[in-house]
Amino acid sequence: MYSLARPFFFLLDPEAAHDLTIWSLHHFGGFIPSVCGSRGKPVEVMGLSFPNRIGLAAGLDKNGEAIDAFANFGFGHIEIGTVTPRPQPGNPKPRLFRLPKAEGIINRMGFNNAGVDNLVANVRSAKFKGILGINIGKNFDTPIEKAADDYLACLDKVYPHASYVTVNISSPNTKNLRQLQGASELDALLAALKARQARLADEHGRYVPLALKIAPDVQSEQLSEMADALRRHRIDGVIATNTTLSREAVAGLPHADETGGLSGAPLRTRSTEVVAELAKLLAGELPIIAVGGVFSGKDALEKLDAGAELVQLYTGLIYKGPGLAAETVKATDAFSRV
């Protein structure tokens, strides 16, 4: 069915198509039957039992408006956000561009969202009882030296409702955000987050894991420093990767020179390289969740073979449709770490 509907959606402005999709799923998602015949093989990651290894990446459902509809796709987990303490409109439009020949998307959305209170209200009203990740960020006008305050404010509010929380310091579309991946900045941020996590665990009587989402545009030396920081602060997981600023794989294509992060098939190879390098650096001390360019079951297995424990989808769903969830779940059912 998606192959019939996709041409219509691709006639629309990309952001209009996205908004229409979320609106439709929010209002009519309850009528969607599960498209995933196999629920997959459960796996323990970050102390949580995931029904299968495939999840929805953050960014598609920023405000948690369509959680129950996405649950029908057969995902083993759903990650919503990125959410910020205060509502913000994001960057000026247009800010979302398709590159169909490369099966890629460039976005410079800028953490557009309705704020953390709105997201929490949506989570409370959802019926979904599975693994829910909530991805948190900072407001665009919060000085980078005070970024930790925004992350802590979000963590306080989402903690009671999340299965795990992802700290997004890798979007290229919020000014200076990637500075937080620097050694001293990252060390200070992770220390603050872990201290707050410990306090919240005592207050709520449950431990909610923290994952860090990183960029693909990092050199080996910086990746090694980040791996050391993840181990030192006992972060529970790492998500690799966010979108890339590189245009090497799409040079010369329409929209290739637009500012923003590139996702989709052009990111596949680099994302997998980062996963593999991280796996060697971390040596199993914390799990890796892979995202970037997964368009088939084969692509998902490639991420697992590189060292990931879980795989997330986003741009692949835009090009391939919701059946991609079923395909990747089925392909990864028999995977086991040797």
C-alpha atoms as a PDB file:
ATOM      1  CA  MET A   1       0.000   0.000   0.000  1.00  0.00           C
ATOM      2  CA  TYR A   2       2.807   2.421   0.776  1.00  0.00           C
ATOM      3  CA  SER A   3       4.193   2.061  -2.745  1.00  0.00           C
ATOM      4  CA  LEU A   4       0.876   3.461  -3.981  1.00  0.00           C
ATOM      5  CA  ALA A   5       0.737   6.270  -1.425  1.00  0.00           C
ATOM      6  CA  ARG A   6       4.365   7.406  -1.635  1.00  0.00           C
ATOM      7  CA  PRO A   7       4.071   9.274  -4.973  1.00  0.00           C
ATOM      8  CA  PHE A   8       1.295  11.400  -3.457  1.00  0.00           C
ATOM      9  CA  PHE A   9       3.337  12.222  -0.358  1.00  0.00           C
ATOM     10  CA  PHE A  10       6.395  13.003  -2.490  1.00  0.00           C
ATOM     11  CA  LEU A  11       4.355  15.553  -4.445  1.00  0.00           C
ATOM     12  CA  LEU A  12       3.895  17.479  -1.208  1.00  0.00           C
ATOM     13  CA  ASP A  13       6.468  19.717   0.425  1.00  0.00           C
ATOM     14  CA  PRO A  14       8.554  17.386   2.649  1.00  0.00           C
ATOM     15  CA  GLU A  15       7.597  19.075   5.907  1.00  0.00           C
ATOM     16  CA  ALA A  16       3.923  19.249   4.889  1.00  0.00           C
ATOM     17  CA  ALA A  17       4.039  15.516   4.146  1.00  0.00           C
ATOM     18  CA  HIS A  18       5.633  14.867   7.527  1.00  0.00           C
ATOM     19  CA  ASP A  19       3.050  16.949   9.374  1.00  0.00           C
ATOM     20  CA  LEU A  20       0.201  15.253   7.493  1.00  0.00           C
ATOM     21  CA  THR A  21       1.609  11.833   8.381  1.00  0.00           C
ATOM     22  CA  ILE A  22       1.879  12.615  12.095  1.00  0.00           C
ATOM     23  CA  TRP A  23      -1.587  14.212  12.119  1.00  0.00           C
ATOM     24  CA  SER A  24      -3.083  11.160  10.406  1.00  0.00           C
ATOM     25  CA  LEU A  25      -1.347   8.727  12.715  1.00  0.00           C
ATOM     26  CA  HIS A  26      -2.433  10.747  15.747  1.00  0.00           C
ATOM     27  CA  HIS A  27      -6.095  10.799  14.727  1.00  0.00           C
ATOM     28  CA  PHE A  28      -6.485   7.482  12.913  1.00  0.00           C
ATOM     29  CA  GLY A  29      -3.555   5.381  14.131  1.00  0.00           C
ATOM     30  CA  GLY A  30      -5.817   3.325  16.346  1.00  0.00           C
ATOM     31  CA  PHE A  31      -7.398   1.835  13.253  1.00  0.00           C
ATOM     32  CA  ILE A  32      -4.089   0.644  11.818  1.00  0.00           C
ATOM     33  CA  PRO A  33      -3.606  -3.107  12.229  1.00  0.00           C
ATOM     34  CA  SER A  34      -0.172  -4.341  13.128  1.00  0.00           C
ATOM     35  CA  VAL A  35       1.939  -4.671   9.988  1.00  0.00           C
ATOM     36  CA  CYS A  36       4.566  -6.806  11.700  1.00  0.00           C
ATOM     37  CA  GLY A  37       3.869 -10.518  11.608  1.00  0.00           C
ATOM     38  CA  SER A  38       6.906 -11.366  13.718  1.00  0.00           C
ATOM     39  CA  ARG A  39       7.392  -9.602  17.009  1.00  0.00           C
ATOM     40  CA  GLY A  40      10.991 -10.713  17.053  1.00  0.00           C
ATOM     41  CA  LYS A  41      13.352 -12.165  19.592  1.00  0.00           C
ATOM     42  CA  PRO A  42      13.664 -10.364  22.950  1.00  0.00           C
ATOM     43  CA  VAL A  43      17.049  -8.932  23.910  1.00  0.00           C
ATOM     44  CA  GLU A  44      18.374  -7.373  27.121  1.00  0.00           C
ATOM     45  CA  VAL A  45      19.998  -3.965  26.587  1.00  0.00           C
ATOM     46  CA  MET A  46      20.713  -1.254  29.201  1.00  0.00           C
ATOM     47  CA  GLY A  47      18.980  -3.463  31.762  1.00  0.00           C
ATOM     48  CA  LEU A  48      15.740  -3.355  29.758  1.00  0.00           C
ATOM     49  CA  SER A  49      13.981  -6.194  27.934  1.00  0.00           C
ATOM     50  CA  PHE A  50      13.373  -5.151  24.323  1.00  0.00           C
ATOM     51  CA  PRO A  51      10.859  -7.298  22.379  1.00  0.00           C
ATOM     52  CA  ASN A  52      13.128  -7.094  19.327  1.00  0.00           C
ATOM     53  CA  ARG A  53      16.194  -5.212  18.125  1.00  0.00           C
ATOM     54  CA  ILE A  54      14.474  -2.657  15.866  1.00  0.00           C
ATOM     55  CA  GLY A  55      13.274   0.756  17.047  1.00  0.00           C
ATOM     56  CA  LEU A  56      11.943   4.061  15.810  1.00  0.00           C
ATOM     57  CA  ALA A  57      14.587   6.791  15.896  1.00  0.00           C
ATOM     58  CA  ALA A  58      13.965  10.192  17.436  1.00  0.00           C
ATOM     59  CA  GLY A  59      12.931  13.026  15.158  1.00  0.00           C
ATOM     60  CA  LEU A  60       9.963  11.473  13.410  1.00  0.00           C
ATOM     61  CA  ASP A  61       7.579  11.963  16.342  1.00  0.00           C
ATOM     62  CA  LYS A  62       9.079  14.973  18.102  1.00  0.00           C
ATOM     63  CA  ASN A  63       6.132  15.622  20.426  1.00  0.00           C
ATOM     64  CA  GLY A  64       5.000  12.052  21.100  1.00  0.00           C
ATOM     65  CA  GLU A  65       1.752  12.558  19.189  1.00  0.00           C
ATOM     66  CA  ALA A  66       1.622   9.186  17.419  1.00  0.00           C
ATOM     67  CA  ILE A  67       3.139   6.745  19.907  1.00  0.00           C
ATOM     68  CA  ASP A  68       0.287   4.248  19.759  1.00  0.00           C
ATOM     69  CA  ALA A  69       0.213   4.260  15.961  1.00  0.00           C
ATOM     70  CA  PHE A  70       3.952   3.628  15.683  1.00  0.00           C
ATOM     71  CA  ALA A  71       3.582   0.801  18.185  1.00  0.00           C
ATOM     72  CA  ASN A  72       1.476  -1.023  15.583  1.00  0.00           C
ATOM     73  CA  PHE A  73       4.428  -1.048  13.183  1.00  0.00           C
ATOM     74  CA  GLY A  74       6.080  -3.732  15.303  1.00  0.00           C
ATOM     75  CA  PHE A  75       8.966  -1.756  16.746  1.00  0.00           C
ATOM     76  CA  GLY A  76      10.752  -3.149  19.784  1.00  0.00           C
ATOM     77  CA  HIS A  77      11.096   0.387  21.095  1.00  0.00           C
ATOM     78  CA  ILE A  78       9.977   3.887  20.190  1.00  0.00           C
ATOM     79  CA  GLU A  79      12.070   7.002  20.740  1.00  0.00           C
ATOM     80  CA  ILE A  80      10.348  10.390  20.696  1.00  0.00           C
ATOM     81  CA  GLY A  81      11.754  13.935  20.715  1.00  0.00           C
ATOM     82  CA  THR A  82      14.046  15.785  20.549  1.00  0.00           C
ATOM     83  CA  VAL A  83      12.229  17.875  23.162  1.00  0.00           C
ATOM     84  CA  THR A  84      13.403  21.088  24.821  1.00  0.00           C
ATOM     85  CA  PRO A  85      12.345  22.726  28.102  1.00  0.00           C
ATOM     86  CA  ARG A  86      10.379  25.477  26.341  1.00  0.00           C
ATOM     87  CA  PRO A  87       8.419  25.281  23.079  1.00  0.00           C
ATOM     88  CA  GLN A  88      10.283  26.654  20.072  1.00  0.00           C
ATOM     89  CA  PRO A  89       9.467  26.975  16.355  1.00  0.00           C
ATOM     90  CA  GLY A  90      12.813  25.797  15.036  1.00  0.00           C
ATOM     91  CA  ASN A  91      14.662  27.254  12.084  1.00  0.00           C
ATOM     92  CA  PRO A  92      13.004  29.215   9.256  1.00  0.00           C
ATOM     93  CA  LYS A  93      11.291  27.271   6.472  1.00  0.00           C
ATOM     94  CA  PRO A  94      12.021  25.634   4.107  1.00  0.00           C
ATOM     95  CA  ARG A  95      14.162  23.377   6.270  1.00  0.00           C
ATOM     96  CA  LEU A  96      13.530  19.839   5.011  1.00  0.00           C
ATOM     97  CA  PHE A  97      14.676  18.539   1.611  1.00  0.00           C
ATOM     98  CA  ARG A  98      14.453  15.186  -0.152  1.00  0.00           C
ATOM     99  CA  LEU A  99      17.250  13.826  -2.316  1.00  0.00           C
ATOM    100  CA  PRO A 100      15.381  10.946  -4.003  1.00  0.00           C
ATOM    101  CA  LYS A 101      18.208   9.856  -6.308  1.00  0.00           C
ATOM    102  CA  ALA A 102      20.374   9.196  -3.260  1.00  0.00           C
ATOM    103  CA  GLU A 103      17.528   8.141  -0.950  1.00  0.00           C
ATOM    104  CA  GLY A 104      18.587  10.870   1.420  1.00  0.00           C
ATOM    105  CA  ILE A 105      17.083  13.759   3.358  1.00  0.00           C
ATOM    106  CA  ILE A 106      18.659  17.021   4.485  1.00  0.00           C
ATOM    107  CA  ASN A 107      17.078  18.778   7.433  1.00  0.00           C
ATOM    108  CA  ARG A 108      17.804  21.883   9.433  1.00  0.00           C
ATOM    109  CA  MET A 109      14.703  21.714  11.606  1.00  0.00           C
ATOM    110  CA  GLY A 110      16.379  23.094  14.729  1.00  0.00           C
ATOM    111  CA  PHE A 111      14.603  21.157  17.489  1.00  0.00           C
ATOM    112  CA  ASN A 112      11.143  22.457  16.578  1.00  0.00           C
ATOM    113  CA  ASN A 113       8.811  21.113  19.269  1.00  0.00           C
ATOM    114  CA  ALA A 114       5.963  22.041  21.586  1.00  0.00           C
ATOM    115  CA  GLY A 115       8.038  21.796  24.771  1.00  0.00           C
ATOM    116  CA  VAL A 116       8.578  19.135  27.392  1.00  0.00           C
ATOM    117  CA  ASP A 117       5.281  19.668  29.229  1.00  0.00           C
ATOM    118  CA  ASN A 118       3.335  19.002  26.025  1.00  0.00           C
ATOM    119  CA  LEU A 119       5.356  15.859  25.326  1.00  0.00           C
ATOM    120  CA  VAL A 120       4.791  14.523  28.844  1.00  0.00           C
ATOM    121  CA  ALA A 121       1.048  15.097  28.483  1.00  0.00           C
ATOM    122  CA  ASN A 122       1.064  13.125  25.223  1.00  0.00           C
ATOM    123  CA  VAL A 123       3.004  10.279  26.824  1.00  0.00           C
ATOM    124  CA  ARG A 124       0.544  10.148  29.700  1.00  0.00           C
ATOM    125  CA  SER A 125      -2.398   9.859  27.314  1.00  0.00           C
ATOM    126  CA  ALA A 126      -0.810   7.110  25.185  1.00  0.00           C
ATOM    127  CA  LYS A 127      -1.781   3.485  25.760  1.00  0.00           C
ATOM    128  CA  PHE A 128       1.658   2.171  24.783  1.00  0.00           C
ATOM    129  CA  LYS A 129       3.332   0.202  27.577  1.00  0.00           C
ATOM    130  CA  GLY A 130       6.471  -0.876  25.724  1.00  0.00           C
ATOM    131  CA  ILE A 131       9.999   0.526  25.713  1.00  0.00           C
ATOM    132  CA  LEU A 132       9.802   4.304  25.272  1.00  0.00           C
ATOM    133  CA  GLY A 133      12.902   6.425  24.818  1.00  0.00           C
ATOM    134  CA  ILE A 134      12.676  10.193  25.250  1.00  0.00           C
ATOM    135  CA  ASN A 135      15.289  12.307  23.495  1.00  0.00           C
ATOM    136  CA  ILE A 136      16.174  15.613  25.190  1.00  0.00           C
ATOM    137  CA  GLY A 137      17.985  18.750  24.005  1.00  0.00           C
ATOM    138  CA  LYS A 138      18.528  22.403  24.771  1.00  0.00           C
ATOM    139  CA  ASN A 139      16.633  25.477  23.629  1.00  0.00           C
ATOM    140  CA  PHE A 140      18.292  27.396  20.799  1.00  0.00           C
ATOM    141  CA  ASP A 141      18.676  30.565  22.863  1.00  0.00           C
ATOM    142  CA  THR A 142      20.191  28.906  25.927  1.00  0.00           C
ATOM    143  CA  PRO A 143      23.914  29.795  26.052  1.00  0.00           C
ATOM    144  CA  ILE A 144      26.112  26.769  25.496  1.00  0.00           C
ATOM    145  CA  GLU A 145      27.741  27.284  28.906  1.00  0.00           C
ATOM    146  CA  LYS A 146      24.305  26.814  30.483  1.00  0.00           C
ATOM    147  CA  ALA A 147      23.224  23.915  28.304  1.00  0.00           C
ATOM    148  CA  ALA A 148      23.351  21.482  31.225  1.00  0.00           C
ATOM    149  CA  ASP A 149      20.512  23.392  32.888  1.00  0.00           C
ATOM    150  CA  ASP A 150      18.218  22.623  29.947  1.00  0.00           C
ATOM    151  CA  TYR A 151      19.148  18.950  29.861  1.00  0.00           C
ATOM    152  CA  LEU A 152      18.599  18.620  33.592  1.00  0.00           C
ATOM    153  CA  ALA A 153      15.239  20.406  33.392  1.00  0.00           C
ATOM    154  CA  CYS A 154      14.088  17.995  30.697  1.00  0.00           C
ATOM    155  CA  LEU A 155      15.480  14.985  32.548  1.00  0.00           C
ATOM    156  CA  ASP A 156      13.536  15.912  35.668  1.00  0.00           C
ATOM    157  CA  LYS A 157      10.245  16.027  33.755  1.00  0.00           C
ATOM    158  CA  VAL A 158      10.610  13.005  31.464  1.00  0.00           C
ATOM    159  CA  TYR A 159      12.282  10.664  33.960  1.00  0.00           C
ATOM    160  CA  PRO A 160       9.046   9.245  35.456  1.00  0.00           C
ATOM    161  CA  HIS A 161       7.658   8.477  31.986  1.00  0.00           C
ATOM    162  CA  ALA A 162      10.672   7.155  30.054  1.00  0.00           C
ATOM    163  CA  SER A 163      12.122   3.674  29.769  1.00  0.00           C
ATOM    164  CA  TYR A 164      15.410   5.369  28.861  1.00  0.00           C
ATOM    165  CA  VAL A 165      16.480   8.953  28.130  1.00  0.00           C
ATOM    166  CA  THR A 166      18.691  10.001  25.222  1.00  0.00           C
ATOM    167  CA  VAL A 167      20.878  13.089  25.515  1.00  0.00           C
ATOM    168  CA  ASN A 168      21.167  14.719  22.089  1.00  0.00           C
ATOM    169  CA  ILE A 169      24.382  16.733  21.788  1.00  0.00           C
ATOM    170  CA  SER A 170      24.951  15.955  18.125  1.00  0.00           C
ATOM    171  CA  SER A 171      22.337  17.750  16.048  1.00  0.00           C
ATOM    172  CA  PRO A 172      24.073  20.069  13.565  1.00  0.00           C
ATOM    173  CA  ASN A 173      21.055  22.379  13.477  1.00  0.00           C
ATOM    174  CA  THR A 174      21.307  24.091  16.879  1.00  0.00           C
ATOM    175  CA  LYS A 175      24.138  26.605  16.998  1.00  0.00           C
ATOM    176  CA  ASN A 176      27.226  25.389  18.872  1.00  0.00           C
ATOM    177  CA  LEU A 177      25.459  22.253  20.140  1.00  0.00           C
ATOM    178  CA  ARG A 178      28.200  19.934  18.927  1.00  0.00           C
ATOM    179  CA  GLN A 179      30.666  21.813  21.130  1.00  0.00           C
ATOM    180  CA  LEU A 180      29.233  19.663  23.915  1.00  0.00           C
ATOM    181  CA  GLN A 181      31.041  16.707  22.342  1.00  0.00           C
ATOM    182  CA  GLY A 182      34.360  18.314  23.298  1.00  0.00           C
ATOM    183  CA  ALA A 183      36.301  16.604  26.076  1.00  0.00           C
ATOM    184  CA  SER A 184      35.860  19.153  28.887  1.00  0.00           C
ATOM    185  CA  GLU A 185      32.286  20.112  27.952  1.00  0.00           C
ATOM    186  CA  LEU A 186      31.215  16.471  27.671  1.00  0.00           C
ATOM    187  CA  ASP A 187      32.858  15.553  30.954  1.00  0.00           C
ATOM    188  CA  ALA A 188      31.001  18.305  32.825  1.00  0.00           C
ATOM    189  CA  LEU A 189      27.651  17.519  31.184  1.00  0.00           C
ATOM    190  CA  LEU A 190      27.835  13.775  31.835  1.00  0.00           C
ATOM    191  CA  ALA A 191      28.852  14.344  35.458  1.00  0.00           C
ATOM    192  CA  ALA A 192      25.824  16.591  36.004  1.00  0.00           C
ATOM    193  CA  LEU A 193      23.464  14.150  34.284  1.00  0.00           C
ATOM    194  CA  LYS A 194      24.677  11.133  36.235  1.00  0.00           C
ATOM    195  CA  ALA A 195      24.368  12.976  39.540  1.00  0.00           C
ATOM    196  CA  ARG A 196      20.795  13.964  38.689  1.00  0.00           C
ATOM    197  CA  GLN A 197      19.999  10.445  37.461  1.00  0.00           C
ATOM    198  CA  ALA A 198      21.095   9.024  40.822  1.00  0.00           C
ATOM    199  CA  ARG A 199      18.913  11.502  42.697  1.00  0.00           C
ATOM    200  CA  LEU A 200      15.903  10.818  40.481  1.00  0.00           C
ATOM    201  CA  ALA A 201      16.363   7.062  40.827  1.00  0.00           C
ATOM    202  CA  ASP A 202      16.080   7.458  44.599  1.00  0.00           C
ATOM    203  CA  GLU A 203      13.069   9.750  44.322  1.00  0.00           C
ATOM    204  CA  HIS A 204      11.119   7.547  41.920  1.00  0.00           C
ATOM    205  CA  GLY A 205      12.316   4.138  43.046  1.00  0.00           C
ATOM    206  CA  ARG A 206      13.400   3.125  39.526  1.00  0.00           C
ATOM    207  CA  TYR A 207      16.566   3.438  37.493  1.00  0.00           C
ATOM    208  CA  VAL A 208      16.115   4.976  34.040  1.00  0.00           C
ATOM    209  CA  PRO A 209      19.144   4.451  31.759  1.00  0.00           C
ATOM    210  CA  LEU A 210      20.861   7.348  30.002  1.00  0.00           C
ATOM    211  CA  ALA A 211      22.109   7.119  26.412  1.00  0.00           C
ATOM    212  CA  LEU A 212      24.223   9.663  24.540  1.00  0.00           C
ATOM    213  CA  LYS A 213      23.588  10.375  20.842  1.00  0.00           C
ATOM    214  CA  ILE A 214      26.722  11.297  18.911  1.00  0.00           C
ATOM    215  CA  ALA A 215      27.570  12.679  15.483  1.00  0.00           C
ATOM    216  CA  PRO A 216      29.221  10.797  12.624  1.00  0.00           C
ATOM    217  CA  ASP A 217      31.508  13.754  11.897  1.00  0.00           C
ATOM    218  CA  VAL A 218      34.124  12.953  14.525  1.00  0.00           C
ATOM    219  CA  GLN A 219      37.740  11.956  14.113  1.00  0.00           C
ATOM    220  CA  SER A 220      39.181   8.841  15.745  1.00  0.00           C
ATOM    221  CA  GLU A 221      40.940  10.801  18.506  1.00  0.00           C
ATOM    222  CA  GLN A 222      37.725  12.550  19.542  1.00  0.00           C
ATOM    223  CA  LEU A 223      35.757   9.306  19.351  1.00  0.00           C
ATOM    224  CA  SER A 224      38.291   7.693  21.671  1.00  0.00           C
ATOM    225  CA  GLU A 225      37.918  10.585  24.136  1.00  0.00           C
ATOM    226  CA  MET A 226      34.145  10.243  24.009  1.00  0.00           C
ATOM    227  CA  ALA A 227      34.349   6.496  24.624  1.00  0.00           C
ATOM    228  CA  ASP A 228      36.545   7.139  27.666  1.00  0.00           C
ATOM    229  CA  ALA A 229      34.029   9.656  28.997  1.00  0.00           C
ATOM    230  CA  LEU A 230      31.124   7.261  28.468  1.00  0.00           C
ATOM    231  CA  ARG A 231      32.934   4.572  30.468  1.00  0.00           C
ATOM    232  CA  ARG A 232      34.177   6.931  33.164  1.00  0.00           C
ATOM    233  CA  HIS A 233      30.726   8.320  33.874  1.00  0.00           C
ATOM    234  CA  ARG A 234      29.004   4.943  33.492  1.00  0.00           C
ATOM    235  CA  ILE A 235      26.623   6.108  30.793  1.00  0.00           C
ATOM    236  CA  ASP A 236      24.230   3.279  29.978  1.00  0.00           C
ATOM    237  CA  GLY A 237      24.333   3.385  26.178  1.00  0.00           C
ATOM    238  CA  VAL A 238      25.420   5.315  23.099  1.00  0.00           C
ATOM    239  CA  ILE A 239      23.449   6.010  19.912  1.00  0.00           C
ATOM    240  CA  ALA A 240      25.511   6.240  16.725  1.00  0.00           C
ATOM    241  CA  THR A 241      24.858   8.287  14.741  1.00  0.00           C
ATOM    242  CA  ASN A 242      23.035  11.529  14.135  1.00  0.00           C
ATOM    243  CA  THR A 243      23.019  13.207  10.704  1.00  0.00           C
ATOM    244  CA  THR A 244      26.164  14.230   8.832  1.00  0.00           C
ATOM    245  CA  LEU A 245      27.420  17.540   7.480  1.00  0.00           C
ATOM    246  CA  SER A 246      29.363  15.739   4.763  1.00  0.00           C
ATOM    247  CA  ARG A 247      28.079  16.042   1.196  1.00  0.00           C
ATOM    248  CA  GLU A 248      30.604  13.738  -0.449  1.00  0.00           C
ATOM    249  CA  ALA A 249      28.016  11.054  -1.214  1.00  0.00           C
ATOM    250  CA  VAL A 250      25.473  13.469  -2.711  1.00  0.00           C
ATOM    251  CA  ALA A 251      27.654  16.040  -4.464  1.00  0.00           C
ATOM    252  CA  GLY A 252      25.977  17.569  -7.487  1.00  0.00           C
ATOM    253  CA  LEU A 253      22.445  16.450  -6.650  1.00  0.00           C
ATOM    254  CA  PRO A 254      19.568  18.927  -6.278  1.00  0.00           C
ATOM    255  CA  HIS A 255      19.435  20.327  -2.716  1.00  0.00           C
ATOM    256  CA  ALA A 256      22.843  18.815  -1.876  1.00  0.00           C
ATOM    257  CA  ASP A 257      24.189  22.228  -0.943  1.00  0.00           C
ATOM    258  CA  GLU A 258      21.385  23.018   1.501  1.00  0.00           C
ATOM    259  CA  THR A 259      22.537  23.657   5.048  1.00  0.00           C
ATOM    260  CA  GLY A 260      21.654  20.946   7.541  1.00  0.00           C
ATOM    261  CA  GLY A 261      22.214  17.335   8.456  1.00  0.00           C
ATOM    262  CA  LEU A 262      22.118  14.606   5.816  1.00  0.00           C
ATOM    263  CA  SER A 263      20.421  11.303   6.671  1.00  0.00           C
ATOM    264  CA  GLY A 264      19.418   8.194   4.763  1.00  0.00           C
ATOM    265  CA  ALA A 265      21.343   5.885   2.448  1.00  0.00           C
ATOM    266  CA  PRO A 266      24.302   8.286   1.991  1.00  0.00           C
ATOM    267  CA  LEU A 267      24.979   8.051   5.741  1.00  0.00           C
ATOM    268  CA  ARG A 268      24.946   4.248   5.901  1.00  0.00           C
ATOM    269  CA  THR A 269      28.654   3.553   5.466  1.00  0.00           C
ATOM    270  CA  ARG A 270      29.946   6.274   7.774  1.00  0.00           C
ATOM    271  CA  SER A 271      27.455   5.422  10.487  1.00  0.00           C
ATOM    272  CA  THR A 272      28.510   1.775  10.385  1.00  0.00           C
ATOM    273  CA  GLU A 273      32.172   2.772  10.538  1.00  0.00           C
ATOM    274  CA  VAL A 274      31.526   4.769  13.703  1.00  0.00           C
ATOM    275  CA  VAL A 275      29.626   1.841  15.230  1.00  0.00           C
ATOM    276  CA  ALA A 276      32.505  -0.521  14.468  1.00  0.00           C
ATOM    277  CA  GLU A 277      35.117   1.850  15.865  1.00  0.00           C
ATOM    278  CA  LEU A 278      33.061   2.482  18.984  1.00  0.00           C
ATOM    279  CA  ALA A 279      32.588  -1.253  19.499  1.00  0.00           C
ATOM    280  CA  LYS A 280      36.353  -1.729  19.580  1.00  0.00           C
ATOM    281  CA  LEU A 281      36.873   1.220  21.926  1.00  0.00           C
ATOM    282  CA  LEU A 282      34.108   0.228  24.344  1.00  0.00           C
ATOM    283  CA  ALA A 283      34.840  -3.514  24.273  1.00  0.00           C
ATOM    284  CA  GLY A 284      31.320  -4.391  25.390  1.00  0.00           C
ATOM    285  CA  GLU A 285      31.307  -2.109  28.444  1.00  0.00           C
ATOM    286  CA  LEU A 286      28.150  -0.376  27.234  1.00  0.00           C
ATOM    287  CA  PRO A 287      25.780  -1.100  24.359  1.00  0.00           C
ATOM    288  CA  ILE A 288      25.592   0.708  21.030  1.00  0.00           C
ATOM    289  CA  ILE A 289      22.326   1.596  19.322  1.00  0.00           C
ATOM    290  CA  ALA A 290      22.902   2.088  15.607  1.00  0.00           C
ATOM    291  CA  VAL A 291      21.016   4.471  13.353  1.00  0.00           C
ATOM    292  CA  GLY A 292      21.831   5.771   9.905  1.00  0.00           C
ATOM    293  CA  GLY A 293      20.941   4.541   6.432  1.00  0.00           C
ATOM    294  CA  VAL A 294      19.024   1.368   7.281  1.00  0.00           C
ATOM    295  CA  PHE A 295      16.827   0.545   4.269  1.00  0.00           C
ATOM    296  CA  SER A 296      16.674  -3.253   4.454  1.00  0.00           C
ATOM    297  CA  GLY A 297      17.121  -6.262   6.679  1.00  0.00           C
ATOM    298  CA  LYS A 298      20.632  -6.613   5.285  1.00  0.00           C
ATOM    299  CA  ASP A 299      21.465  -3.065   6.390  1.00  0.00           C
ATOM    300  CA  ALA A 300      20.183  -3.790   9.900  1.00  0.00           C
ATOM    301  CA  LEU A 301      22.298  -6.937  10.147  1.00  0.00           C
ATOM    302  CA  GLU A 302      25.315  -4.946   8.984  1.00  0.00           C
ATOM    303  CA  LYS A 303      24.903  -2.636  11.979  1.00  0.00           C
ATOM    304  CA  LEU A 304      24.613  -5.579  14.368  1.00  0.00           C
ATOM    305  CA  ASP A 305      27.643  -7.270  12.828  1.00  0.00           C
ATOM    306  CA  ALA A 306      29.585  -4.025  13.356  1.00  0.00           C
ATOM    307  CA  GLY A 307      28.867  -4.193  17.087  1.00  0.00           C
ATOM    308  CA  ALA A 308      25.447  -2.643  17.704  1.00  0.00           C
ATOM    309  CA  GLU A 309      22.875  -4.276  19.979  1.00  0.00           C
ATOM    310  CA  LEU A 310      19.852  -2.358  18.671  1.00  0.00           C
ATOM    311  CA  VAL A 311      19.030  -0.618  15.373  1.00  0.00           C
ATOM    312  CA  GLN A 312      16.784   2.381  14.765  1.00  0.00           C
ATOM    313  CA  LEU A 313      14.928   3.502  11.621  1.00  0.00           C
ATOM    314  CA  TYR A 314      13.868   6.911  10.356  1.00  0.00           C
ATOM    315  CA  THR A 315      14.695   7.988   6.785  1.00  0.00           C
ATOM    316  CA  GLY A 316      14.324   4.417   5.541  1.00  0.00           C
ATOM    317  CA  LEU A 317      10.682   4.562   6.623  1.00  0.00           C
ATOM    318  CA  ILE A 318      10.138   7.640   4.438  1.00  0.00           C
ATOM    319  CA  TYR A 319      11.431   5.863   1.349  1.00  0.00           C
ATOM    320  CA  LYS A 320      10.391   2.266   2.045  1.00  0.00           C
ATOM    321  CA  GLY A 321       7.315   2.616   4.242  1.00  0.00           C
ATOM    322  CA  PRO A 322       6.238   0.964   7.505  1.00  0.00           C
ATOM    323  CA  GLY A 323       6.858  -2.518   6.105  1.00  0.00           C
ATOM    324  CA  LEU A 324      10.561  -1.831   6.648  1.00  0.00           C
ATOM    325  CA  ALA A 325      10.018  -2.393  10.361  1.00  0.00           C
ATOM    326  CA  ALA A 326       8.674  -5.881   9.728  1.00  0.00           C
ATOM    327  CA  GLU A 327      11.486  -6.689   7.301  1.00  0.00           C
ATOM    328  CA  THR A 328      14.235  -5.632   9.671  1.00  0.00           C
ATOM    329  CA  VAL A 329      12.671  -7.351  12.670  1.00  0.00           C
ATOM    330  CA  LYS A 330      12.452 -10.607  10.721  1.00  0.00           C
ATOM    331  CA  ALA A 331      16.013 -10.268   9.430  1.00  0.00           C
ATOM    332  CA  THR A 332      17.451  -9.739  12.907  1.00  0.00           C
ATOM    333  CA  ASP A 333      15.402 -12.424  14.689  1.00  0.00           C
ATOM    334  CA  ALA A 334      18.127 -15.021  14.471  1.00  0.00           C
ATOM    335  CA  PHE A 335      21.039 -12.684  15.218  1.00  0.00           C
ATOM    336  CA  SER A 336      23.205 -13.636  18.150  1.00  0.00           C
ATOM    337  CA  ARG A 337      26.492 -12.193  19.364  1.00  0.00           C
ATOM    338  CA  VAL A 338      29.238 -14.785  18.844  1.00  0.00           C
END
